Amino acid sequence: MGDIEKNLEDADDHIERAENLLEEVAMEAVEIARENTEIISDFDSRAMEVQVKVDHDDTIHRLNENLPIPYFATVEEGNVEIRKLDLNIDELQSENDLVKVKEITSILEDTTSEGAPVPKVIEYSSALGMTVEETEEALDKLKQKGEVYEPSTDYLRTT
């Protein structure tokens, strides 16, 4: 077998593993949604109207706790969507710790209504080679400089 055939076979193996991972993530997402979605309905007999509200907050929180890097869940127009986070790891590798953590926080803050979950900031920072202590130190410095704040416990937003 030549080099080209071997490279094509390797590429096919990578594609198959990626497809299997995405299928696992999708199946887990469906199960989490099934377990955590709250549906509230209200029937007005005089107006003959039914209002149904689907609360996806618990589903989004559970999905984001369990989805592997670089995937995250959001609600768009009432639908739960799983997306790949646009995080250029190669580009951020060369940056200092403050820039890395601020960029990660900036990207993650839009994944939930509360802001960037601190555990996810730490998880993504570790994917860039930072320790938990280095990430926490960077977050403390960013807070002192007023570039990051904590709108609620364990959530962050950039200024």
C-alpha atoms as a PDB file:
ATOM      1  CA  MET A   1       0.000   0.000   0.000  1.00  0.00           C
ATOM      2  CA  GLY A   2       1.344   3.391  -1.007  1.00  0.00           C
ATOM      3  CA  ASP A   3       1.587   6.542   1.088  1.00  0.00           C
ATOM      4  CA  ILE A   4      -1.500   8.071  -0.504  1.00  0.00           C
ATOM      5  CA  GLU A   5      -3.630   4.997   0.220  1.00  0.00           C
ATOM      6  CA  LYS A   6      -2.343   4.880   3.818  1.00  0.00           C
ATOM      7  CA  ASN A   7      -3.104   8.593   4.319  1.00  0.00           C
ATOM      8  CA  LEU A   8      -6.605   8.143   2.901  1.00  0.00           C
ATOM      9  CA  GLU A   9      -7.201   5.159   5.180  1.00  0.00           C
ATOM     10  CA  ASP A  10      -6.006   7.176   8.205  1.00  0.00           C
ATOM     11  CA  ALA A  11      -8.269  10.070   7.215  1.00  0.00           C
ATOM     12  CA  ASP A  12     -11.239   7.692   6.927  1.00  0.00           C
ATOM     13  CA  ASP A  13     -10.462   6.348  10.426  1.00  0.00           C
ATOM     14  CA  HIS A  14     -10.365   9.889  11.865  1.00  0.00           C
ATOM     15  CA  ILE A  15     -13.650  10.792  10.186  1.00  0.00           C
ATOM     16  CA  GLU A  16     -15.322   7.632  11.497  1.00  0.00           C
ATOM     17  CA  ARG A  17     -14.113   8.323  15.070  1.00  0.00           C
ATOM     18  CA  ALA A  18     -15.357  11.934  14.844  1.00  0.00           C
ATOM     19  CA  GLU A  19     -18.744  10.796  13.542  1.00  0.00           C
ATOM     20  CA  ASN A  20     -19.016   8.254  16.379  1.00  0.00           C
ATOM     21  CA  LEU A  21     -18.141  10.911  18.964  1.00  0.00           C
ATOM     22  CA  LEU A  22     -20.744  13.300  17.558  1.00  0.00           C
ATOM     23  CA  GLU A  23     -23.344  10.537  17.584  1.00  0.00           C
ATOM     24  CA  GLU A  24     -22.548   9.796  21.247  1.00  0.00           C
ATOM     25  CA  VAL A  25     -22.790  13.504  22.122  1.00  0.00           C
ATOM     26  CA  ALA A  26     -26.142  13.768  20.310  1.00  0.00           C
ATOM     27  CA  MET A  27     -27.562  10.714  22.087  1.00  0.00           C
ATOM     28  CA  GLU A  28     -26.403  12.019  25.467  1.00  0.00           C
ATOM     29  CA  ALA A  29     -27.892  15.441  24.680  1.00  0.00           C
ATOM     30  CA  VAL A  30     -31.276  13.901  23.887  1.00  0.00           C
ATOM     31  CA  GLU A  31     -31.240  11.948  27.155  1.00  0.00           C
ATOM     32  CA  ILE A  32     -30.255  15.006  29.202  1.00  0.00           C
ATOM     33  CA  ALA A  33     -32.958  17.073  27.506  1.00  0.00           C
ATOM     34  CA  ARG A  34     -35.529  14.371  28.192  1.00  0.00           C
ATOM     35  CA  GLU A  35     -34.575  14.276  31.889  1.00  0.00           C
ATOM     36  CA  ASN A  36     -34.273  18.022  32.504  1.00  0.00           C
ATOM     37  CA  THR A  37     -36.682  19.948  30.301  1.00  0.00           C
ATOM     38  CA  GLU A  38     -39.571  21.486  32.212  1.00  0.00           C
ATOM     39  CA  ILE A  39     -42.805  22.119  30.356  1.00  0.00           C
ATOM     40  CA  ILE A  40     -45.369  24.478  31.870  1.00  0.00           C
ATOM     41  CA  SER A  41     -48.791  24.829  30.278  1.00  0.00           C
ATOM     42  CA  ASP A  42     -51.718  27.080  31.031  1.00  0.00           C
ATOM     43  CA  PHE A  43     -55.224  26.696  29.596  1.00  0.00           C
ATOM     44  CA  ASP A  44     -57.585  29.665  29.466  1.00  0.00           C
ATOM     45  CA  SER A  45     -61.074  28.192  28.986  1.00  0.00           C
ATOM     46  CA  ARG A  46     -62.709  31.562  28.306  1.00  0.00           C
ATOM     47  CA  ALA A  47     -60.310  32.523  25.537  1.00  0.00           C
ATOM     48  CA  MET A  48     -59.865  28.894  24.454  1.00  0.00           C
ATOM     49  CA  GLU A  49     -56.089  29.377  24.447  1.00  0.00           C
ATOM     50  CA  VAL A  50     -53.275  27.202  25.629  1.00  0.00           C
ATOM     51  CA  GLN A  51     -49.905  28.676  26.480  1.00  0.00           C
ATOM     52  CA  VAL A  52     -46.963  26.334  26.722  1.00  0.00           C
ATOM     53  CA  LYS A  53     -43.591  27.407  28.060  1.00  0.00           C
ATOM     54  CA  VAL A  54     -40.602  25.131  27.767  1.00  0.00           C
ATOM     55  CA  ASP A  55     -37.891  25.915  30.305  1.00  0.00           C
ATOM     56  CA  HIS A  56     -34.560  24.766  28.883  1.00  0.00           C
ATOM     57  CA  ASP A  57     -32.327  26.265  31.610  1.00  0.00           C
ATOM     58  CA  ASP A  58     -31.683  22.984  33.446  1.00  0.00           C
ATOM     59  CA  THR A  59     -31.125  21.191  30.148  1.00  0.00           C
ATOM     60  CA  ILE A  60     -28.588  23.789  29.009  1.00  0.00           C
ATOM     61  CA  HIS A  61     -26.735  23.673  32.339  1.00  0.00           C
ATOM     62  CA  ARG A  62     -26.556  19.853  32.334  1.00  0.00           C
ATOM     63  CA  LEU A  63     -25.493  19.716  28.688  1.00  0.00           C
ATOM     64  CA  ASN A  64     -22.744  22.274  29.199  1.00  0.00           C
ATOM     65  CA  GLU A  65     -21.504  20.384  32.253  1.00  0.00           C
ATOM     66  CA  ASN A  66     -21.241  17.175  30.225  1.00  0.00           C
ATOM     67  CA  LEU A  67     -20.342  18.174  26.685  1.00  0.00           C
ATOM     68  CA  PRO A  68     -16.697  17.688  25.753  1.00  0.00           C
ATOM     69  CA  ILE A  69     -14.502  20.534  24.536  1.00  0.00           C
ATOM     70  CA  PRO A  70     -15.190  22.309  22.143  1.00  0.00           C
ATOM     71  CA  TYR A  71     -18.993  21.766  22.187  1.00  0.00           C
ATOM     72  CA  PHE A  72     -21.561  23.833  24.094  1.00  0.00           C
ATOM     73  CA  ALA A  73     -25.338  24.150  24.203  1.00  0.00           C
ATOM     74  CA  THR A  74     -27.465  27.284  23.820  1.00  0.00           C
ATOM     75  CA  VAL A  75     -31.125  28.133  23.242  1.00  0.00           C
ATOM     76  CA  GLU A  76     -31.859  29.841  19.930  1.00  0.00           C
ATOM     77  CA  GLU A  77     -35.470  30.805  19.125  1.00  0.00           C
ATOM     78  CA  GLY A  78     -36.766  28.247  21.626  1.00  0.00           C
ATOM     79  CA  ASN A  79     -34.610  25.391  20.333  1.00  0.00           C
ATOM     80  CA  VAL A  80     -31.680  23.801  22.135  1.00  0.00           C
ATOM     81  CA  GLU A  81     -28.666  23.852  19.842  1.00  0.00           C
ATOM     82  CA  ILE A  82     -25.273  22.236  20.287  1.00  0.00           C
ATOM     83  CA  ARG A  83     -22.458  24.099  18.636  1.00  0.00           C
ATOM     84  CA  LYS A  84     -18.734  23.855  18.334  1.00  0.00           C
ATOM     85  CA  LEU A  85     -17.011  26.653  20.219  1.00  0.00           C
ATOM     86  CA  ASP A  86     -14.974  28.913  17.967  1.00  0.00           C
ATOM     87  CA  LEU A  87     -11.773  28.815  19.999  1.00  0.00           C
ATOM     88  CA  ASN A  88      -8.520  29.021  18.066  1.00  0.00           C
ATOM     89  CA  ILE A  89      -6.332  26.944  20.386  1.00  0.00           C
ATOM     90  CA  ASP A  90      -3.231  27.249  18.206  1.00  0.00           C
ATOM     91  CA  GLU A  91      -3.494  31.043  18.197  1.00  0.00           C
ATOM     92  CA  LEU A  92      -4.097  31.270  21.956  1.00  0.00           C
ATOM     93  CA  GLN A  93      -1.181  28.939  22.833  1.00  0.00           C
ATOM     94  CA  SER A  94       1.274  31.773  22.225  1.00  0.00           C
ATOM     95  CA  GLU A  95      -0.616  34.316  24.353  1.00  0.00           C
ATOM     96  CA  ASN A  96       0.033  35.061  28.037  1.00  0.00           C
ATOM     97  CA  ASP A  97      -2.265  33.565  30.668  1.00  0.00           C
ATOM     98  CA  LEU A  98      -4.367  36.727  31.147  1.00  0.00           C
ATOM     99  CA  VAL A  99      -5.128  36.965  27.429  1.00  0.00           C
ATOM    100  CA  LYS A 100      -5.974  33.243  27.245  1.00  0.00           C
ATOM    101  CA  VAL A 101      -8.357  33.325  30.205  1.00  0.00           C
ATOM    102  CA  LYS A 102     -10.033  36.570  29.131  1.00  0.00           C
ATOM    103  CA  GLU A 103     -10.581  35.254  25.582  1.00  0.00           C
ATOM    104  CA  ILE A 104     -12.004  31.967  26.886  1.00  0.00           C
ATOM    105  CA  THR A 105     -14.299  33.877  29.256  1.00  0.00           C
ATOM    106  CA  SER A 106     -15.404  36.182  26.446  1.00  0.00           C
ATOM    107  CA  ILE A 107     -16.319  33.256  24.203  1.00  0.00           C
ATOM    108  CA  LEU A 108     -18.003  31.204  26.938  1.00  0.00           C
ATOM    109  CA  GLU A 109     -20.019  34.082  28.440  1.00  0.00           C
ATOM    110  CA  ASP A 110     -22.577  33.809  25.647  1.00  0.00           C
ATOM    111  CA  THR A 111     -23.216  30.104  26.255  1.00  0.00           C
ATOM    112  CA  THR A 112     -25.503  30.750  29.252  1.00  0.00           C
ATOM    113  CA  SER A 113     -27.676  33.626  30.403  1.00  0.00           C
ATOM    114  CA  GLU A 114     -25.564  33.959  33.586  1.00  0.00           C
ATOM    115  CA  GLY A 115     -22.213  34.221  31.807  1.00  0.00           C
ATOM    116  CA  ALA A 116     -19.178  31.964  31.493  1.00  0.00           C
ATOM    117  CA  PRO A 117     -19.275  29.065  33.980  1.00  0.00           C
ATOM    118  CA  VAL A 118     -16.024  29.127  35.985  1.00  0.00           C
ATOM    119  CA  PRO A 119     -15.546  25.318  35.763  1.00  0.00           C
ATOM    120  CA  LYS A 120     -15.726  25.547  31.952  1.00  0.00           C
ATOM    121  CA  VAL A 121     -13.217  28.437  31.899  1.00  0.00           C
ATOM    122  CA  ILE A 122     -10.880  26.235  33.950  1.00  0.00           C
ATOM    123  CA  GLU A 123     -11.518  23.219  31.697  1.00  0.00           C
ATOM    124  CA  TYR A 124     -10.798  25.169  28.507  1.00  0.00           C
ATOM    125  CA  SER A 125      -7.736  26.798  30.068  1.00  0.00           C
ATOM    126  CA  SER A 126      -6.367  23.367  30.942  1.00  0.00           C
ATOM    127  CA  ALA A 127      -6.787  22.406  27.277  1.00  0.00           C
ATOM    128  CA  LEU A 128      -4.361  25.270  26.599  1.00  0.00           C
ATOM    129  CA  GLY A 129      -1.853  23.838  29.076  1.00  0.00           C
ATOM    130  CA  MET A 130      -2.721  25.958  32.118  1.00  0.00           C
ATOM    131  CA  THR A 131      -3.121  24.509  35.610  1.00  0.00           C
ATOM    132  CA  VAL A 132      -6.164  25.222  37.788  1.00  0.00           C
ATOM    133  CA  GLU A 133      -3.989  27.463  39.973  1.00  0.00           C
ATOM    134  CA  GLU A 134      -2.705  29.445  36.983  1.00  0.00           C
ATOM    135  CA  THR A 135      -6.254  29.938  35.719  1.00  0.00           C
ATOM    136  CA  GLU A 136      -7.542  31.051  39.128  1.00  0.00           C
ATOM    137  CA  GLU A 137      -4.602  33.454  39.494  1.00  0.00           C
ATOM    138  CA  ALA A 138      -5.293  34.912  36.042  1.00  0.00           C
ATOM    139  CA  LEU A 139      -8.984  35.310  36.905  1.00  0.00           C
ATOM    140  CA  ASP A 140      -8.096  37.110  40.150  1.00  0.00           C
ATOM    141  CA  LYS A 141      -5.807  39.508  38.249  1.00  0.00           C
ATOM    142  CA  LEU A 142      -8.473  40.127  35.582  1.00  0.00           C
ATOM    143  CA  LYS A 143     -11.045  40.863  38.309  1.00  0.00           C
ATOM    144  CA  GLN A 144      -8.631  43.280  40.033  1.00  0.00           C
ATOM    145  CA  LYS A 145      -8.043  45.058  36.721  1.00  0.00           C
ATOM    146  CA  GLY A 146     -11.812  45.271  36.162  1.00  0.00           C
ATOM    147  CA  GLU A 147     -11.650  43.260  32.929  1.00  0.00           C
ATOM    148  CA  VAL A 148     -13.765  40.386  34.297  1.00  0.00           C
ATOM    149  CA  TYR A 149     -16.535  40.400  36.902  1.00  0.00           C
ATOM    150  CA  GLU A 150     -18.737  37.816  38.606  1.00  0.00           C
ATOM    151  CA  PRO A 151     -22.434  38.635  38.013  1.00  0.00           C
ATOM    152  CA  SER A 152     -23.390  35.589  40.092  1.00  0.00           C
ATOM    153  CA  THR A 153     -21.510  32.878  41.965  1.00  0.00           C
ATOM    154  CA  ASP A 154     -19.296  30.770  39.666  1.00  0.00           C
ATOM    155  CA  TYR A 155     -20.140  32.764  36.514  1.00  0.00           C
ATOM    156  CA  LEU A 156     -18.046  35.402  34.758  1.00  0.00           C
ATOM    157  CA  ARG A 157     -18.478  38.198  32.250  1.00  0.00           C
ATOM    158  CA  THR A 158     -15.935  40.402  30.546  1.00  0.00           C
ATOM    159  CA  THR A 159     -16.177  44.191  30.567  1.00  0.00           C
END
